[in-house]
Amino acid sequence: MATYLPFLCIAIAFSWPAFASAYRQQDALSRAELATAAIGSSIFLGALALLFVDGSLPVGLLLFACGMAIALLARRWLMSRWSLLAAATSFGSYLIGVAH
């Protein structure tokens, strides 16, 4: 199982902008932005939970820190919907890898 944990790190990094967009102070969000935030939140929180359930605490903290560092350093390139697709693909790869 530990070999698939980096997929969760990638999912955290790529879903962070969509998750954080729901908590920025904006007047109104469109339906598309709300849907993007809901999907990003699901992926981010699911990956975060699985990271600490399947890994030890030090490994979970290290991979979470790496994911957040990637998300904050590459913030400019991760704001597209393609990054959310990459997060979903990474999260799905983890789930498929663990199931087999």
N, C-alpha and C. Protein backbone atom coordinates (compact mmCIF):
# COMPACT_ATOMS: atom_id res chain seq x y z
N MET A 1 0.81 -1.20 0.00
CA MET A 1 0.00 0.00 0.00
C MET A 1 0.85 1.26 0.00
N ALA A 2 1.98 1.22 0.65
CA ALA A 2 2.82 2.41 0.77
C ALA A 2 3.37 2.85 -0.57
N THR A 3 3.45 1.95 -1.53
CA THR A 3 3.97 2.34 -2.84
C THR A 3 3.00 3.24 -3.60
N TYR A 4 1.75 3.22 -3.23
CA TYR A 4 0.74 4.04 -3.91
C TYR A 4 0.48 5.37 -3.21
N LEU A 5 1.08 5.63 -2.06
CA LEU A 5 0.86 6.87 -1.32
C LEU A 5 1.28 8.14 -2.08
N PRO A 6 2.32 8.10 -2.92
CA PRO A 6 2.63 9.32 -3.68
C PRO A 6 1.51 9.78 -4.61
N PHE A 7 0.65 8.86 -5.04
CA PHE A 7 -0.51 9.27 -5.84
C PHE A 7 -1.42 10.20 -5.03
N LEU A 8 -1.51 9.96 -3.74
CA LEU A 8 -2.32 10.84 -2.89
C LEU A 8 -1.66 12.21 -2.74
N CYS A 9 -0.34 12.22 -2.70
CA CYS A 9 0.39 13.49 -2.64
C CYS A 9 0.10 14.33 -3.88
N ILE A 10 0.10 13.70 -5.03
CA ILE A 10 -0.21 14.39 -6.28
C ILE A 10 -1.66 14.85 -6.29
N ALA A 11 -2.57 14.01 -5.80
CA ALA A 11 -3.98 14.39 -5.75
C ALA A 11 -4.19 15.60 -4.84
N ILE A 12 -3.48 15.64 -3.73
CA ILE A 12 -3.58 16.79 -2.82
C ILE A 12 -3.06 18.05 -3.51
N ALA A 13 -1.93 17.93 -4.18
CA ALA A 13 -1.33 19.10 -4.83
C ALA A 13 -2.23 19.66 -5.91
N PHE A 14 -2.79 18.80 -6.74
CA PHE A 14 -3.58 19.27 -7.87
C PHE A 14 -5.01 19.65 -7.51
N SER A 15 -5.52 19.18 -6.38
CA SER A 15 -6.89 19.55 -6.00
C SER A 15 -6.94 20.72 -5.04
N TRP A 16 -5.80 21.15 -4.51
CA TRP A 16 -5.78 22.25 -3.56
C TRP A 16 -6.38 23.55 -4.12
N PRO A 17 -6.04 23.97 -5.34
CA PRO A 17 -6.62 25.24 -5.81
C PRO A 17 -8.14 25.21 -5.89
N ALA A 18 -8.72 24.10 -6.30
CA ALA A 18 -10.17 24.00 -6.37
C ALA A 18 -10.77 23.98 -4.96
N PHE A 19 -10.11 23.32 -4.03
CA PHE A 19 -10.58 23.28 -2.64
C PHE A 19 -10.52 24.67 -2.02
N ALA A 20 -9.42 25.36 -2.21
CA ALA A 20 -9.23 26.67 -1.60
C ALA A 20 -10.11 27.75 -2.24
N SER A 21 -10.52 27.54 -3.48
CA SER A 21 -11.32 28.56 -4.15
C SER A 21 -12.67 28.77 -3.48
N ALA A 22 -13.17 27.77 -2.80
CA ALA A 22 -14.45 27.90 -2.11
C ALA A 22 -14.35 28.78 -0.88
N TYR A 23 -13.16 28.97 -0.36
CA TYR A 23 -12.99 29.72 0.88
C TYR A 23 -12.38 31.10 0.69
N ARG A 24 -12.13 31.46 -0.55
CA ARG A 24 -11.66 32.83 -0.81
C ARG A 24 -12.86 33.76 -0.73
N GLN A 25 -12.61 34.98 -0.34
CA GLN A 25 -13.72 35.92 -0.21
C GLN A 25 -14.07 36.49 -1.58
N GLN A 26 -15.13 35.96 -2.12
CA GLN A 26 -15.65 36.43 -3.38
C GLN A 26 -17.12 36.73 -3.19
N ASP A 27 -17.64 37.60 -4.03
CA ASP A 27 -19.05 37.97 -3.89
C ASP A 27 -19.97 36.80 -4.24
N ALA A 28 -19.83 36.28 -5.42
CA ALA A 28 -20.70 35.18 -5.84
C ALA A 28 -19.91 34.25 -6.76
N LEU A 29 -20.17 32.97 -6.61
CA LEU A 29 -19.54 31.98 -7.46
C LEU A 29 -20.57 31.44 -8.44
N SER A 30 -20.13 31.18 -9.64
CA SER A 30 -21.05 30.60 -10.62
C SER A 30 -21.26 29.12 -10.31
N ARG A 31 -22.20 28.54 -10.99
CA ARG A 31 -22.46 27.11 -10.76
C ARG A 31 -21.26 26.25 -11.15
N ALA A 32 -20.60 26.63 -12.21
CA ALA A 32 -19.41 25.88 -12.64
C ALA A 32 -18.30 25.97 -11.60
N GLU A 33 -18.12 27.15 -11.02
CA GLU A 33 -17.10 27.31 -9.97
C GLU A 33 -17.48 26.54 -8.71
N LEU A 34 -18.76 26.51 -8.38
CA LEU A 34 -19.20 25.73 -7.22
C LEU A 34 -19.01 24.24 -7.45
N ALA A 35 -19.29 23.78 -8.67
CA ALA A 35 -19.10 22.36 -8.98
C ALA A 35 -17.62 21.99 -8.92
N THR A 36 -16.77 22.87 -9.45
CA THR A 36 -15.33 22.64 -9.40
C THR A 36 -14.83 22.60 -7.96
N ALA A 37 -15.34 23.51 -7.14
CA ALA A 37 -14.94 23.53 -5.72
C ALA A 37 -15.42 22.27 -5.00
N ALA A 38 -16.61 21.80 -5.31
CA ALA A 38 -17.14 20.59 -4.66
C ALA A 38 -16.32 19.36 -5.04
N ILE A 39 -15.99 19.24 -6.31
CA ILE A 39 -15.18 18.09 -6.75
C ILE A 39 -13.78 18.18 -6.16
N GLY A 40 -13.19 19.36 -6.20
CA GLY A 40 -11.85 19.54 -5.63
C GLY A 40 -11.82 19.27 -4.14
N SER A 41 -12.87 19.70 -3.44
CA SER A 41 -12.93 19.44 -1.99
C SER A 41 -13.04 17.95 -1.70
N SER A 42 -13.84 17.26 -2.49
CA SER A 42 -13.98 15.81 -2.29
C SER A 42 -12.66 15.09 -2.49
N ILE A 43 -11.97 15.43 -3.55
CA ILE A 43 -10.69 14.78 -3.83
C ILE A 43 -9.66 15.14 -2.77
N PHE A 44 -9.58 16.43 -2.41
CA PHE A 44 -8.59 16.88 -1.44
C PHE A 44 -8.81 16.21 -0.08
N LEU A 45 -10.03 16.27 0.43
CA LEU A 45 -10.30 15.71 1.76
C LEU A 45 -10.20 14.18 1.77
N GLY A 46 -10.63 13.55 0.68
CA GLY A 46 -10.50 12.09 0.58
C GLY A 46 -9.05 11.65 0.55
N ALA A 47 -8.23 12.35 -0.24
CA ALA A 47 -6.80 12.02 -0.31
C ALA A 47 -6.12 12.28 1.02
N LEU A 48 -6.50 13.36 1.68
CA LEU A 48 -5.91 13.67 2.98
C LEU A 48 -6.25 12.60 4.01
N ALA A 49 -7.49 12.16 4.03
CA ALA A 49 -7.90 11.12 4.98
C ALA A 49 -7.18 9.80 4.70
N LEU A 50 -7.13 9.40 3.43
CA LEU A 50 -6.48 8.14 3.09
C LEU A 50 -4.98 8.19 3.31
N LEU A 51 -4.40 9.36 3.19
CA LEU A 51 -2.96 9.50 3.42
C LEU A 51 -2.59 9.14 4.85
N PHE A 52 -3.42 9.53 5.78
CA PHE A 52 -3.11 9.25 7.19
C PHE A 52 -3.67 7.90 7.66
N VAL A 53 -4.67 7.38 6.97
CA VAL A 53 -5.20 6.07 7.35
C VAL A 53 -4.27 4.96 6.87
N ASP A 54 -3.78 5.07 5.64
CA ASP A 54 -2.97 4.01 5.07
C ASP A 54 -1.48 4.14 5.36
N GLY A 55 -1.04 5.31 5.75
CA GLY A 55 0.38 5.51 6.03
C GLY A 55 0.59 5.84 7.50
N SER A 56 1.82 5.82 7.91
CA SER A 56 2.13 6.21 9.29
C SER A 56 2.08 7.73 9.39
N LEU A 57 2.08 8.24 10.60
CA LEU A 57 1.98 9.68 10.81
C LEU A 57 3.16 10.44 10.19
N PRO A 58 4.41 10.03 10.40
CA PRO A 58 5.51 10.78 9.77
C PRO A 58 5.46 10.76 8.24
N VAL A 59 5.12 9.61 7.67
CA VAL A 59 5.02 9.52 6.21
C VAL A 59 3.86 10.37 5.71
N GLY A 60 2.75 10.34 6.40
CA GLY A 60 1.60 11.16 6.03
C GLY A 60 1.90 12.64 6.08
N LEU A 61 2.58 13.06 7.14
CA LEU A 61 2.94 14.48 7.25
C LEU A 61 3.93 14.89 6.16
N LEU A 62 4.89 14.03 5.87
CA LEU A 62 5.87 14.34 4.83
C LEU A 62 5.21 14.46 3.46
N LEU A 63 4.34 13.51 3.12
CA LEU A 63 3.68 13.56 1.82
C LEU A 63 2.68 14.71 1.74
N PHE A 64 2.02 15.02 2.85
CA PHE A 64 1.12 16.18 2.85
C PHE A 64 1.91 17.47 2.65
N ALA A 65 3.04 17.59 3.32
CA ALA A 65 3.88 18.78 3.16
C ALA A 65 4.40 18.90 1.72
N CYS A 66 4.78 17.79 1.13
CA CYS A 66 5.23 17.81 -0.27
C CYS A 66 4.10 18.23 -1.21
N GLY A 67 2.93 17.69 -0.99
CA GLY A 67 1.78 18.06 -1.82
C GLY A 67 1.43 19.53 -1.71
N MET A 68 1.44 20.05 -0.48
CA MET A 68 1.13 21.47 -0.29
C MET A 68 2.23 22.36 -0.85
N ALA A 69 3.48 21.92 -0.76
CA ALA A 69 4.58 22.70 -1.34
C ALA A 69 4.43 22.78 -2.86
N ILE A 70 4.10 21.66 -3.47
CA ILE A 70 3.88 21.66 -4.92
C ILE A 70 2.71 22.57 -5.27
N ALA A 71 1.64 22.48 -4.50
CA ALA A 71 0.44 23.29 -4.78
C ALA A 71 0.73 24.78 -4.63
N LEU A 72 1.49 25.15 -3.63
CA LEU A 72 1.75 26.57 -3.40
C LEU A 72 2.82 27.12 -4.34
N LEU A 73 3.79 26.30 -4.71
CA LEU A 73 4.83 26.76 -5.63
C LEU A 73 4.33 26.83 -7.08
N ALA A 74 3.45 25.93 -7.45
CA ALA A 74 2.94 25.88 -8.82
C ALA A 74 1.51 26.40 -8.90
N ARG A 75 1.16 27.30 -8.03
CA ARG A 75 -0.21 27.83 -7.96
C ARG A 75 -0.67 28.39 -9.29
N ARG A 76 0.22 29.02 -10.00
CA ARG A 76 -0.14 29.67 -11.26
C ARG A 76 -0.58 28.66 -12.31
N TRP A 77 0.04 27.50 -12.34
CA TRP A 77 -0.27 26.51 -13.36
C TRP A 77 -1.35 25.52 -12.94
N LEU A 78 -1.72 25.52 -11.69
CA LEU A 78 -2.69 24.54 -11.20
C LEU A 78 -4.12 25.07 -11.14
N MET A 79 -4.37 26.24 -11.64
CA MET A 79 -5.70 26.82 -11.54
C MET A 79 -6.64 26.38 -12.66
N SER A 80 -6.22 25.49 -13.52
CA SER A 80 -7.08 25.08 -14.63
C SER A 80 -7.89 23.85 -14.25
N ARG A 81 -8.85 23.55 -15.06
CA ARG A 81 -9.64 22.34 -14.83
C ARG A 81 -8.85 21.08 -15.16
N TRP A 82 -7.80 21.24 -15.96
CA TRP A 82 -6.95 20.09 -16.27
C TRP A 82 -6.25 19.59 -15.02
N SER A 83 -5.93 20.49 -14.12
CA SER A 83 -5.27 20.05 -12.89
C SER A 83 -6.24 19.24 -12.03
N LEU A 84 -7.52 19.59 -12.06
CA LEU A 84 -8.51 18.81 -11.33
C LEU A 84 -8.68 17.43 -11.96
N LEU A 85 -8.58 17.35 -13.27
CA LEU A 85 -8.62 16.05 -13.94
C LEU A 85 -7.40 15.22 -13.56
N ALA A 86 -6.24 15.86 -13.46
CA ALA A 86 -5.03 15.14 -13.03
C ALA A 86 -5.16 14.66 -11.60
N ALA A 87 -5.79 15.47 -10.73
CA ALA A 87 -6.00 15.06 -9.34
C ALA A 87 -6.95 13.86 -9.27
N ALA A 88 -8.01 13.90 -10.05
CA ALA A 88 -8.96 12.79 -10.06
C ALA A 88 -8.31 11.52 -10.61
N THR A 89 -7.48 11.67 -11.63
CA THR A 89 -6.78 10.52 -12.19
C THR A 89 -5.80 9.93 -11.18
N SER A 90 -5.09 10.77 -10.49
CA SER A 90 -4.15 10.30 -9.48
C SER A 90 -4.87 9.61 -8.32
N PHE A 91 -5.97 10.20 -7.89
CA PHE A 91 -6.76 9.61 -6.80
C PHE A 91 -7.33 8.25 -7.24
N GLY A 92 -7.83 8.19 -8.46
CA GLY A 92 -8.34 6.93 -8.99
C GLY A 92 -7.24 5.88 -9.13
N SER A 93 -6.05 6.30 -9.54
CA SER A 93 -4.93 5.38 -9.65
C SER A 93 -4.57 4.79 -8.29
N TYR A 94 -4.63 5.61 -7.26
CA TYR A 94 -4.37 5.10 -5.92
C TYR A 94 -5.43 4.05 -5.54
N LEU A 95 -6.69 4.38 -5.77
CA LEU A 95 -7.76 3.44 -5.40
C LEU A 95 -7.67 2.13 -6.15
N ILE A 96 -7.36 2.19 -7.43
CA ILE A 96 -7.22 0.97 -8.22
C ILE A 96 -6.00 0.18 -7.78
N GLY A 97 -4.90 0.87 -7.52
CA GLY A 97 -3.68 0.20 -7.08
C GLY A 97 -3.83 -0.51 -5.75
N VAL A 98 -4.55 0.11 -4.83
CA VAL A 98 -4.75 -0.49 -3.51
C VAL A 98 -5.73 -1.66 -3.59
N ALA A 99 -6.69 -1.58 -4.49
CA ALA A 99 -7.69 -2.63 -4.59
C ALA A 99 -7.09 -3.93 -5.12
N HIS A 100 -6.02 -3.84 -5.89
CA HIS A 100 -5.43 -5.06 -6.46
C HIS A 100 -4.34 -5.60 -5.62
